[in-house]
Amino acid sequence: MSPSTRLFDLNTKKARFEVAGCTSYWVVDPDEPSPTACDLRGGGDVETARVVESETFTALSPYAVEVTPTALVS
């Protein structure tokens, strides 16, 4: 996500992902850094995790991966 595409990334892309059948997506705010993981269910999205700085998140869906925000930008 970038300042110039923030609204597009948070709104339009989410709708397009859902139409395409994508069940999960992440939005990464590079300013913090902070990834937010969401699942698309029944016409809406459910935030499944949001981590910042040195917190670690282990995603299980759509595949297993461990993410630590500070490691993404170091």
C-alpha atoms as a PDB file:
ATOM      1  CA  MET A   1       0.000   0.000   0.000  1.00  0.00           C
ATOM      2  CA  SER A   2       1.248   3.464  -0.774  1.00  0.00           C
ATOM      3  CA  PRO A   3      -0.156   6.929  -0.006  1.00  0.00           C
ATOM      4  CA  SER A   4      -1.259   7.439  -3.605  1.00  0.00           C
ATOM      5  CA  THR A   5      -3.101   4.092  -3.802  1.00  0.00           C
ATOM      6  CA  ARG A   6      -4.311   3.706  -0.189  1.00  0.00           C
ATOM      7  CA  LEU A   7      -8.075   4.003  -0.888  1.00  0.00           C
ATOM      8  CA  PHE A   8      -7.822   1.826  -4.000  1.00  0.00           C
ATOM      9  CA  ASP A   9      -5.872  -0.832  -2.071  1.00  0.00           C
ATOM     10  CA  LEU A  10      -8.320  -0.863   0.852  1.00  0.00           C
ATOM     11  CA  ASN A  11     -11.557  -0.765  -1.153  1.00  0.00           C
ATOM     12  CA  THR A  12     -11.440  -1.545  -4.867  1.00  0.00           C
ATOM     13  CA  LYS A  13      -8.806  -4.269  -4.659  1.00  0.00           C
ATOM     14  CA  LYS A  14     -10.698  -6.023  -1.865  1.00  0.00           C
ATOM     15  CA  ALA A  15     -13.862  -6.113  -3.995  1.00  0.00           C
ATOM     16  CA  ARG A  16     -11.917  -7.413  -7.000  1.00  0.00           C
ATOM     17  CA  PHE A  17     -10.247 -10.118  -4.904  1.00  0.00           C
ATOM     18  CA  GLU A  18     -13.644 -11.298  -3.695  1.00  0.00           C
ATOM     19  CA  VAL A  19     -15.108 -11.398  -7.225  1.00  0.00           C
ATOM     20  CA  ALA A  20     -12.051 -13.377  -8.341  1.00  0.00           C
ATOM     21  CA  GLY A  21     -12.663 -15.955  -5.597  1.00  0.00           C
ATOM     22  CA  CYS A  22      -9.664 -15.037  -3.469  1.00  0.00           C
ATOM     23  CA  THR A  23     -10.367 -16.185   0.091  1.00  0.00           C
ATOM     24  CA  SER A  24      -7.511 -14.382   1.859  1.00  0.00           C
ATOM     25  CA  TYR A  25      -5.455 -11.250   1.337  1.00  0.00           C
ATOM     26  CA  TRP A  26      -2.917  -9.146   3.188  1.00  0.00           C
ATOM     27  CA  VAL A  27      -2.462  -5.401   3.232  1.00  0.00           C
ATOM     28  CA  VAL A  28       0.989  -4.152   4.220  1.00  0.00           C
ATOM     29  CA  ASP A  29       1.392  -0.590   5.441  1.00  0.00           C
ATOM     30  CA  PRO A  30       5.087   0.180   4.886  1.00  0.00           C
ATOM     31  CA  ASP A  31       4.931   3.297   7.074  1.00  0.00           C
ATOM     32  CA  GLU A  32       4.609   1.303  10.331  1.00  0.00           C
ATOM     33  CA  PRO A  33       5.390  -1.535   9.047  1.00  0.00           C
ATOM     34  CA  SER A  34       2.238  -3.532   9.769  1.00  0.00           C
ATOM     35  CA  PRO A  35       0.728  -6.370   7.765  1.00  0.00           C
ATOM     36  CA  THR A  36      -3.003  -7.005   8.199  1.00  0.00           C
ATOM     37  CA  ALA A  37      -4.375 -10.398   7.159  1.00  0.00           C
ATOM     38  CA  CYS A  38      -8.026 -10.729   6.132  1.00  0.00           C
ATOM     39  CA  ASP A  39     -10.303 -13.552   5.043  1.00  0.00           C
ATOM     40  CA  LEU A  40     -13.162 -12.827   2.635  1.00  0.00           C
ATOM     41  CA  ARG A  41     -16.388 -14.478   3.792  1.00  0.00           C
ATOM     42  CA  GLY A  42     -19.998 -14.012   2.744  1.00  0.00           C
ATOM     43  CA  GLY A  43     -19.682 -10.630   1.089  1.00  0.00           C
ATOM     44  CA  GLY A  44     -17.378  -9.112   3.685  1.00  0.00           C
ATOM     45  CA  ASP A  45     -13.921  -9.343   5.113  1.00  0.00           C
ATOM     46  CA  VAL A  46     -12.814 -10.526   8.535  1.00  0.00           C
ATOM     47  CA  GLU A  47      -9.516  -9.292   9.931  1.00  0.00           C
ATOM     48  CA  THR A  48      -7.647 -12.378  11.119  1.00  0.00           C
ATOM     49  CA  ALA A  49      -4.446 -10.694  12.288  1.00  0.00           C
ATOM     50  CA  ARG A  50      -2.615  -7.388  12.460  1.00  0.00           C
ATOM     51  CA  VAL A  51       0.969  -7.287  13.639  1.00  0.00           C
ATOM     52  CA  VAL A  52       3.374  -4.395  14.115  1.00  0.00           C
ATOM     53  CA  GLU A  53       7.106  -3.969  14.585  1.00  0.00           C
ATOM     54  CA  SER A  54       8.707  -7.051  16.165  1.00  0.00           C
ATOM     55  CA  GLU A  55       5.493  -9.024  16.740  1.00  0.00           C
ATOM     56  CA  THR A  56       5.315 -12.316  14.873  1.00  0.00           C
ATOM     57  CA  PHE A  57       2.264 -13.688  13.098  1.00  0.00           C
ATOM     58  CA  THR A  58       1.953 -17.268  11.905  1.00  0.00           C
ATOM     59  CA  ALA A  59      -0.570 -17.538   9.096  1.00  0.00           C
ATOM     60  CA  LEU A  60      -2.146 -20.887   8.344  1.00  0.00           C
ATOM     61  CA  SER A  61      -4.279 -19.796   5.402  1.00  0.00           C
ATOM     62  CA  PRO A  62      -3.914 -19.778   2.467  1.00  0.00           C
ATOM     63  CA  TYR A  63      -0.561 -21.393   3.356  1.00  0.00           C
ATOM     64  CA  ALA A  64       1.656 -21.574   6.435  1.00  0.00           C
ATOM     65  CA  VAL A  65       4.083 -18.671   6.782  1.00  0.00           C
ATOM     66  CA  GLU A  66       5.569 -16.706   9.669  1.00  0.00           C
ATOM     67  CA  VAL A  67       5.898 -12.929   9.362  1.00  0.00           C
ATOM     68  CA  THR A  68       7.707 -10.378  11.538  1.00  0.00           C
ATOM     69  CA  PRO A  69       7.149  -6.824  10.193  1.00  0.00           C
ATOM     70  CA  THR A  70      10.562  -5.417  11.126  1.00  0.00           C
ATOM     71  CA  ALA A  71      12.199  -8.305   9.264  1.00  0.00           C
ATOM     72  CA  LEU A  72      10.300  -7.312   6.115  1.00  0.00           C
ATOM     73  CA  VAL A  73      11.940  -3.903   5.975  1.00  0.00           C
ATOM     74  CA  SER A  74      15.377  -4.595   7.457  1.00  0.00           C
END
